Amino acid sequence: MMIKIYGADRCHKTQHYLSLLKEHQLDYVFLDVEKNEEHANELRSLYVNGKLNFPTITIHSKKLRNPSDAELLKWIHKLT
């Protein structure tokens, strides 16, 4: 399973999702869009407006923008 979380260290919502994923012992990749321009460009490419809309979580091809915990876990379980 490929879970990617696009966010920033300083973002409390990003930190919340990272904690949630760790708590559920899920494998994920954290992509800091403020520290890495490649990650920022990858995130921009997911949106028509080209903005850094974070936190954004992708699970395979599913894109979730700032989901509720329940919504995130629903999609993780559905796509695994």
PDB file of N, CA and C in Angstrom:
ATOM      1  N   MET A   1       0.864  -1.188   0.000  1.00  0.00           N
ATOM      2  CA  MET A   1       0.000   0.000   0.000  1.00  0.00           C
ATOM      3  C   MET A   1       0.893   1.229   0.000  1.00  0.00           C
ATOM      4  N   MET A   2       0.466   2.226  -0.740  1.00  0.00           N
ATOM      5  CA  MET A   2       1.254   3.447  -0.793  1.00  0.00           C
ATOM      6  C   MET A   2       0.423   4.619  -0.268  1.00  0.00           C
ATOM      7  N   ILE A   3       0.749   5.016   0.952  1.00  0.00           N
ATOM      8  CA  ILE A   3       0.123   6.204   1.535  1.00  0.00           C
ATOM      9  C   ILE A   3       1.175   7.304   1.537  1.00  0.00           C
ATOM     10  N   LYS A   4       0.828   8.427   0.942  1.00  0.00           N
ATOM     11  CA  LYS A   4       1.706   9.597   0.963  1.00  0.00           C
ATOM     12  C   LYS A   4       0.977  10.723   1.681  1.00  0.00           C
ATOM     13  N   ILE A   5       1.698  11.422   2.527  1.00  0.00           N
ATOM     14  CA  ILE A   5       1.129  12.598   3.166  1.00  0.00           C
ATOM     15  C   ILE A   5       1.998  13.793   2.812  1.00  0.00           C
ATOM     16  N   TYR A   6       1.368  14.735   2.109  1.00  0.00           N
ATOM     17  CA  TYR A   6       2.020  15.985   1.739  1.00  0.00           C
ATOM     18  C   TYR A   6       1.676  17.009   2.812  1.00  0.00           C
ATOM     19  N   GLY A   7       2.702  17.589   3.419  1.00  0.00           N
ATOM     20  CA  GLY A   7       2.445  18.547   4.482  1.00  0.00           C
ATOM     21  C   GLY A   7       3.710  19.287   4.864  1.00  0.00           C
ATOM     22  N   ALA A   8       3.704  19.814   6.085  1.00  0.00           N
ATOM     23  CA  ALA A   8       4.847  20.571   6.598  1.00  0.00           C
ATOM     24  C   ALA A   8       5.011  20.269   8.081  1.00  0.00           C
ATOM     25  N   ASP A   9       6.263  20.255   8.515  1.00  0.00           N
ATOM     26  CA  ASP A   9       6.551  19.997   9.930  1.00  0.00           C
ATOM     27  C   ASP A   9       5.807  20.944  10.858  1.00  0.00           C
ATOM     28  N   ARG A  10       5.665  22.198  10.454  1.00  0.00           N
ATOM     29  CA  ARG A  10       5.061  23.222  11.325  1.00  0.00           C
ATOM     30  C   ARG A  10       3.532  23.140  11.377  1.00  0.00           C
ATOM     31  N   CYS A  11       2.942  22.334  10.514  1.00  0.00           N
ATOM     32  CA  CYS A  11       1.480  22.267  10.383  1.00  0.00           C
ATOM     33  C   CYS A  11       0.899  21.281  11.407  1.00  0.00           C
ATOM     34  N   HIS A  12       0.037  21.781  12.289  1.00  0.00           N
ATOM     35  CA  HIS A  12      -0.541  20.915  13.322  1.00  0.00           C
ATOM     36  C   HIS A  12      -1.416  19.808  12.732  1.00  0.00           C
ATOM     37  N   LYS A  13      -2.108  20.073  11.633  1.00  0.00           N
ATOM     38  CA  LYS A  13      -2.942  19.041  11.007  1.00  0.00           C
ATOM     39  C   LYS A  13      -2.066  17.941  10.404  1.00  0.00           C
ATOM     40  N   THR A  14      -0.949  18.334   9.785  1.00  0.00           N
ATOM     41  CA  THR A  14      -0.006  17.339   9.262  1.00  0.00           C
ATOM     42  C   THR A  14       0.477  16.451  10.404  1.00  0.00           C
ATOM     43  N   GLN A  15       0.850  17.065  11.516  1.00  0.00           N
ATOM     44  CA  GLN A  15       1.332  16.305  12.668  1.00  0.00           C
ATOM     45  C   GLN A  15       0.256  15.366  13.206  1.00  0.00           C
ATOM     46  N   HIS A  16      -0.987  15.818  13.175  1.00  0.00           N
ATOM     47  CA  HIS A  16      -2.105  14.987  13.614  1.00  0.00           C
ATOM     48  C   HIS A  16      -2.205  13.727  12.747  1.00  0.00           C
ATOM     49  N   TYR A  17      -2.155  13.896  11.427  1.00  0.00           N
ATOM     50  CA  TYR A  17      -2.258  12.746  10.527  1.00  0.00           C
ATOM     51  C   TYR A  17      -1.069  11.803  10.688  1.00  0.00           C
ATOM     52  N   LEU A  18       0.120  12.359  10.849  1.00  0.00           N
ATOM     53  CA  LEU A  18       1.299  11.511  11.066  1.00  0.00           C
ATOM     54  C   LEU A  18       1.125  10.666  12.326  1.00  0.00           C
ATOM     55  N   SER A  19       0.619  11.274  13.396  1.00  0.00           N
ATOM     56  CA  SER A  19       0.370  10.533  14.643  1.00  0.00           C
ATOM     57  C   SER A  19      -0.682   9.450  14.450  1.00  0.00           C
ATOM     58  N   LEU A  20      -1.736   9.784  13.713  1.00  0.00           N
ATOM     59  CA  LEU A  20      -2.808   8.824  13.463  1.00  0.00           C
ATOM     60  C   LEU A  20      -2.276   7.613  12.689  1.00  0.00           C
ATOM     61  N   LEU A  21      -1.482   7.864  11.665  1.00  0.00           N
ATOM     62  CA  LEU A  21      -0.934   6.776  10.865  1.00  0.00           C
ATOM     63  C   LEU A  21       0.021   5.910  11.689  1.00  0.00           C
ATOM     64  N   LYS A  22       0.824   6.548  12.534  1.00  0.00           N
ATOM     65  CA  LYS A  22       1.728   5.793  13.413  1.00  0.00           C
ATOM     66  C   LYS A  22       0.936   4.963  14.410  1.00  0.00           C
ATOM     67  N   GLU A  23      -0.100   5.562  14.988  1.00  0.00           N
ATOM     68  CA  GLU A  23      -0.934   4.879  15.977  1.00  0.00           C
ATOM     69  C   GLU A  23      -1.550   3.606  15.398  1.00  0.00           C
ATOM     70  N   HIS A  24      -1.927   3.668  14.113  1.00  0.00           N
ATOM     71  CA  HIS A  24      -2.540   2.514  13.453  1.00  0.00           C
ATOM     72  C   HIS A  24      -1.500   1.629  12.772  1.00  0.00           C
ATOM     73  N   GLN A  25      -0.217   1.938  13.007  1.00  0.00           N
ATOM     74  CA  GLN A  25       0.903   1.158  12.473  1.00  0.00           C
ATOM     75  C   GLN A  25       0.818   0.964  10.963  1.00  0.00           C
ATOM     76  N   LEU A  26       0.522   2.072  10.271  1.00  0.00           N
ATOM     77  CA  LEU A  26       0.420   2.053   8.817  1.00  0.00           C
ATOM     78  C   LEU A  26       1.709   2.573   8.192  1.00  0.00           C
ATOM     79  N   ASP A  27       2.100   1.958   7.099  1.00  0.00           N
ATOM     80  CA  ASP A  27       3.261   2.435   6.357  1.00  0.00           C
ATOM     81  C   ASP A  27       2.863   3.646   5.532  1.00  0.00           C
ATOM     82  N   TYR A  28       3.705   4.661   5.563  1.00  0.00           N
ATOM     83  CA  TYR A  28       3.421   5.881   4.814  1.00  0.00           C
ATOM     84  C   TYR A  28       4.732   6.581   4.499  1.00  0.00           C
ATOM     85  N   VAL A  29       4.631   7.553   3.602  1.00  0.00           N
ATOM     86  CA  VAL A  29       5.762   8.411   3.265  1.00  0.00           C
ATOM     87  C   VAL A  29       5.332   9.846   3.544  1.00  0.00           C
ATOM     88  N   PHE A  30       6.118  10.555   4.337  1.00  0.00           N
ATOM     89  CA  PHE A  30       5.844  11.972   4.614  1.00  0.00           C
ATOM     90  C   PHE A  30       6.670  12.826   3.666  1.00  0.00           C
ATOM     91  N   LEU A  31       6.004  13.693   2.926  1.00  0.00           N
ATOM     92  CA  LEU A  31       6.649  14.559   1.948  1.00  0.00           C
ATOM     93  C   LEU A  31       6.481  16.011   2.399  1.00  0.00           C
ATOM     94  N   ASP A  32       7.559  16.586   2.909  1.00  0.00           N
ATOM     95  CA  ASP A  32       7.519  17.959   3.417  1.00  0.00           C
ATOM     96  C   ASP A  32       7.624  18.927   2.238  1.00  0.00           C
ATOM     97  N   VAL A  33       6.526  19.621   1.974  1.00  0.00           N
ATOM     98  CA  VAL A  33       6.456  20.492   0.791  1.00  0.00           C
ATOM     99  C   VAL A  33       7.130  21.843   1.009  1.00  0.00           C
ATOM    100  N   GLU A  34       7.494  22.142   2.236  1.00  0.00           N
ATOM    101  CA  GLU A  34       8.206  23.396   2.497  1.00  0.00           C
ATOM    102  C   GLU A  34       9.720  23.203   2.461  1.00  0.00           C
ATOM    103  N   LYS A  35      10.167  21.992   2.686  1.00  0.00           N
ATOM    104  CA  LYS A  35      11.604  21.720   2.713  1.00  0.00           C
ATOM    105  C   LYS A  35      12.125  21.106   1.424  1.00  0.00           C
ATOM    106  N   ASN A  36      11.223  20.638   0.562  1.00  0.00           N
ATOM    107  CA  ASN A  36      11.651  19.956  -0.651  1.00  0.00           C
ATOM    108  C   ASN A  36      10.808  20.430  -1.831  1.00  0.00           C
ATOM    109  N   GLU A  37      11.436  21.091  -2.778  1.00  0.00           N
ATOM    110  CA  GLU A  37      10.711  21.662  -3.923  1.00  0.00           C
ATOM    111  C   GLU A  37      10.114  20.576  -4.821  1.00  0.00           C
ATOM    112  N   GLU A  38      10.769  19.418  -4.914  1.00  0.00           N
ATOM    113  CA  GLU A  38      10.202  18.322  -5.702  1.00  0.00           C
ATOM    114  C   GLU A  38       8.874  17.867  -5.117  1.00  0.00           C
ATOM    115  N   HIS A  39       8.829  17.745  -3.795  1.00  0.00           N
ATOM    116  CA  HIS A  39       7.579  17.356  -3.131  1.00  0.00           C
ATOM    117  C   HIS A  39       6.505  18.425  -3.348  1.00  0.00           C
ATOM    118  N   ALA A  40       6.913  19.688  -3.270  1.00  0.00           N
ATOM    119  CA  ALA A  40       5.970  20.790  -3.492  1.00  0.00           C
ATOM    120  C   ALA A  40       5.397  20.724  -4.901  1.00  0.00           C
ATOM    121  N   ASN A  41       6.242  20.487  -5.888  1.00  0.00           N
ATOM    122  CA  ASN A  41       5.775  20.407  -7.272  1.00  0.00           C
ATOM    123  C   ASN A  41       4.865  19.209  -7.491  1.00  0.00           C
ATOM    124  N   GLU A  42       5.184  18.100  -6.820  1.00  0.00           N
ATOM    125  CA  GLU A  42       4.329  16.911  -6.919  1.00  0.00           C
ATOM    126  C   GLU A  42       2.942  17.208  -6.359  1.00  0.00           C
ATOM    127  N   LEU A  43       2.886  17.913  -5.230  1.00  0.00           N
ATOM    128  CA  LEU A  43       1.594  18.289  -4.647  1.00  0.00           C
ATOM    129  C   LEU A  43       0.852  19.259  -5.558  1.00  0.00           C
ATOM    130  N   ARG A  44       1.535  20.265  -6.068  1.00  0.00           N
ATOM    131  CA  ARG A  44       0.883  21.223  -6.981  1.00  0.00           C
ATOM    132  C   ARG A  44       0.250  20.518  -8.181  1.00  0.00           C
ATOM    133  N   SER A  45       0.917  19.483  -8.670  1.00  0.00           N
ATOM    134  CA  SER A  45       0.412  18.768  -9.855  1.00  0.00           C
ATOM    135  C   SER A  45      -0.891  18.016  -9.580  1.00  0.00           C
ATOM    136  N   LEU A  46      -1.218  17.796  -8.309  1.00  0.00           N
ATOM    137  CA  LEU A  46      -2.457  17.097  -7.963  1.00  0.00           C
ATOM    138  C   LEU A  46      -3.680  18.001  -8.053  1.00  0.00           C
ATOM    139  N   TYR A  47      -3.463  19.319  -8.125  1.00  0.00           N
ATOM    140  CA  TYR A  47      -4.569  20.276  -8.111  1.00  0.00           C
ATOM    141  C   TYR A  47      -4.550  21.154  -9.355  1.00  0.00           C
ATOM    142  N   VAL A  48      -5.725  21.395  -9.907  1.00  0.00           N
ATOM    143  CA  VAL A  48      -5.859  22.236 -11.093  1.00  0.00           C
ATOM    144  C   VAL A  48      -5.323  23.637 -10.832  1.00  0.00           C
ATOM    145  N   ASN A  49      -5.534  24.156  -9.622  1.00  0.00           N
ATOM    146  CA  ASN A  49      -5.106  25.519  -9.305  1.00  0.00           C
ATOM    147  C   ASN A  49      -3.605  25.619  -9.038  1.00  0.00           C
ATOM    148  N   GLY A  50      -2.921  24.461  -8.933  1.00  0.00           N
ATOM    149  CA  GLY A  50      -1.480  24.448  -8.728  1.00  0.00           C
ATOM    150  C   GLY A  50      -1.008  24.942  -7.374  1.00  0.00           C
ATOM    151  N   LYS A  51      -1.910  24.972  -6.397  1.00  0.00           N
ATOM    152  CA  LYS A  51      -1.549  25.483  -5.070  1.00  0.00           C
ATOM    153  C   LYS A  51      -1.034  24.370  -4.160  1.00  0.00           C
ATOM    154  N   LEU A  52      -0.336  24.796  -3.119  1.00  0.00           N
ATOM    155  CA  LEU A  52       0.148  23.861  -2.102  1.00  0.00           C
ATOM    156  C   LEU A  52      -0.956  23.626  -1.074  1.00  0.00           C
ATOM    157  N   ASN A  53      -1.913  22.816  -1.441  1.00  0.00           N
ATOM    158  CA  ASN A  53      -3.035  22.498  -0.556  1.00  0.00           C
ATOM    159  C   ASN A  53      -2.620  21.357   0.371  1.00  0.00           C
ATOM    160  N   PHE A  54      -2.129  21.725   1.541  1.00  0.00           N
ATOM    161  CA  PHE A  54      -1.729  20.671   2.477  1.00  0.00           C
ATOM    162  C   PHE A  54      -2.408  20.888   3.809  1.00  0.00           C
ATOM    163  N   PRO A  55      -2.594  19.811   4.564  1.00  0.00           N
ATOM    164  CA  PRO A  55      -2.164  18.461   4.236  1.00  0.00           C
ATOM    165  C   PRO A  55      -3.078  17.792   3.216  1.00  0.00           C
ATOM    166  N   THR A  56      -2.447  17.061   2.319  1.00  0.00           N
ATOM    167  CA  THR A  56      -3.135  16.205   1.361  1.00  0.00           C
ATOM    168  C   THR A  56      -2.567  14.808   1.536  1.00  0.00           C
ATOM    169  N   ILE A  57      -3.461  13.835   1.530  1.00  0.00           N
ATOM    170  CA  ILE A  57      -3.054  12.444   1.676  1.00  0.00           C
ATOM    171  C   ILE A  57      -3.495  11.699   0.421  1.00  0.00           C
ATOM    172  N   THR A  58      -2.578  10.926  -0.151  1.00  0.00           N
ATOM    173  CA  THR A  58      -2.947  10.070  -1.272  1.00  0.00           C
ATOM    174  C   THR A  58      -2.779   8.617  -0.851  1.00  0.00           C
ATOM    175  N   ILE A  59      -3.745   7.819  -1.267  1.00  0.00           N
ATOM    176  CA  ILE A  59      -3.712   6.374  -1.053  1.00  0.00           C
ATOM    177  C   ILE A  59      -3.923   5.772  -2.433  1.00  0.00           C
ATOM    178  N   HIS A  60      -2.854   5.248  -2.996  1.00  0.00           N
ATOM    179  CA  HIS A  60      -2.857   4.844  -4.407  1.00  0.00           C
ATOM    180  C   HIS A  60      -3.256   6.076  -5.221  1.00  0.00           C
ATOM    181  N   SER A  61      -4.371   6.018  -5.960  1.00  0.00           N
ATOM    182  CA  SER A  61      -4.770   7.175  -6.767  1.00  0.00           C
ATOM    183  C   SER A  61      -5.834   8.047  -6.084  1.00  0.00           C
ATOM    184  N   LYS A  62      -6.275   7.662  -4.900  1.00  0.00           N
ATOM    185  CA  LYS A  62      -7.281   8.436  -4.154  1.00  0.00           C
ATOM    186  C   LYS A  62      -6.607   9.619  -3.461  1.00  0.00           C
ATOM    187  N   LYS A  63      -7.173  10.807  -3.615  1.00  0.00           N
ATOM    188  CA  LYS A  63      -6.630  12.027  -3.018  1.00  0.00           C
ATOM    189  C   LYS A  63      -7.602  12.534  -1.959  1.00  0.00           C
ATOM    190  N   LEU A  64      -7.082  12.788  -0.757  1.00  0.00           N
ATOM    191  CA  LEU A  64      -7.899  13.303   0.347  1.00  0.00           C
ATOM    192  C   LEU A  64      -7.283  14.602   0.842  1.00  0.00           C
ATOM    193  N   ARG A  65      -8.070  15.646   0.860  1.00  0.00           N
ATOM    194  CA  ARG A  65      -7.609  16.959   1.327  1.00  0.00           C
ATOM    195  C   ARG A  65      -8.185  17.218   2.698  1.00  0.00           C
ATOM    196  N   ASN A  66      -7.335  17.173   3.722  1.00  0.00           N
ATOM    197  CA  ASN A  66      -7.748  17.485   5.084  1.00  0.00           C
ATOM    198  C   ASN A  66      -8.963  16.654   5.529  1.00  0.00           C
ATOM    199  N   PRO A  67      -8.886  15.323   5.402  1.00  0.00           N
ATOM    200  CA  PRO A  67     -10.045  14.486   5.739  1.00  0.00           C
ATOM    201  C   PRO A  67     -10.259  14.363   7.241  1.00  0.00           C
ATOM    202  N   SER A  68     -11.466  13.978   7.611  1.00  0.00           N
ATOM    203  CA  SER A  68     -11.715  13.624   9.016  1.00  0.00           C
ATOM    204  C   SER A  68     -10.981  12.312   9.284  1.00  0.00           C
ATOM    205  N   ASP A  69     -10.741  12.018  10.544  1.00  0.00           N
ATOM    206  CA  ASP A  69     -10.075  10.760  10.893  1.00  0.00           C
ATOM    207  C   ASP A  69     -10.879   9.575  10.365  1.00  0.00           C
ATOM    208  N   ALA A  70     -12.187   9.628  10.540  1.00  0.00           N
ATOM    209  CA  ALA A  70     -13.044   8.526  10.106  1.00  0.00           C
ATOM    210  C   ALA A  70     -12.973   8.343   8.591  1.00  0.00           C
ATOM    211  N   GLU A  71     -12.981   9.435   7.847  1.00  0.00           N
ATOM    212  CA  GLU A  71     -12.910   9.348   6.386  1.00  0.00           C
ATOM    213  C   GLU A  71     -11.564   8.763   5.949  1.00  0.00           C
ATOM    214  N   LEU A  72     -10.489   9.218   6.570  1.00  0.00           N
ATOM    215  CA  LEU A  72      -9.159   8.711   6.230  1.00  0.00           C
ATOM    216  C   LEU A  72      -9.077   7.210   6.492  1.00  0.00           C
ATOM    217  N   LEU A  73      -9.500   6.782   7.659  1.00  0.00           N
ATOM    218  CA  LEU A  73      -9.431   5.355   7.993  1.00  0.00           C
ATOM    219  C   LEU A  73     -10.349   4.522   7.104  1.00  0.00           C
ATOM    220  N   LYS A  74     -11.494   5.064   6.734  1.00  0.00           N
ATOM    221  CA  LYS A  74     -12.408   4.354   5.824  1.00  0.00           C
ATOM    222  C   LYS A  74     -11.707   4.067   4.501  1.00  0.00           C
ATOM    223  N   TRP A  75     -11.044   5.093   3.926  1.00  0.00           N
ATOM    224  CA  TRP A  75     -10.389   4.911   2.640  1.00  0.00           C
ATOM    225  C   TRP A  75      -9.168   4.012   2.759  1.00  0.00           C
ATOM    226  N   ILE A  76      -8.447   4.080   3.841  1.00  0.00           N
ATOM    227  CA  ILE A  76      -7.297   3.193   4.034  1.00  0.00           C
ATOM    228  C   ILE A  76      -7.761   1.741   4.050  1.00  0.00           C
ATOM    229  N   HIS A  77      -8.826   1.462   4.796  1.00  0.00           N
ATOM    230  CA  HIS A  77      -9.321   0.089   4.892  1.00  0.00           C
ATOM    231  C   HIS A  77      -9.952  -0.366   3.575  1.00  0.00           C
ATOM    232  N   LYS A  78     -10.578   0.551   2.863  1.00  0.00           N
ATOM    233  CA  LYS A  78     -11.212   0.210   1.594  1.00  0.00           C
ATOM    234  C   LYS A  78     -10.188  -0.115   0.518  1.00  0.00           C
ATOM    235  N   LEU A  79      -9.058   0.583   0.540  1.00  0.00           N
ATOM    236  CA  LEU A  79      -8.065   0.445  -0.530  1.00  0.00           C
ATOM    237  C   LEU A  79      -6.933  -0.507  -0.190  1.00  0.00           C
ATOM    238  N   THR A  80      -7.043  -1.207   0.926  1.00  0.00           N
ATOM    239  CA  THR A  80      -5.974  -2.148   1.276  1.00  0.00           C
ATOM    240  C   THR A  80      -6.470  -3.577   1.264  1.00  0.00           C
TER     241      THR A  80
END
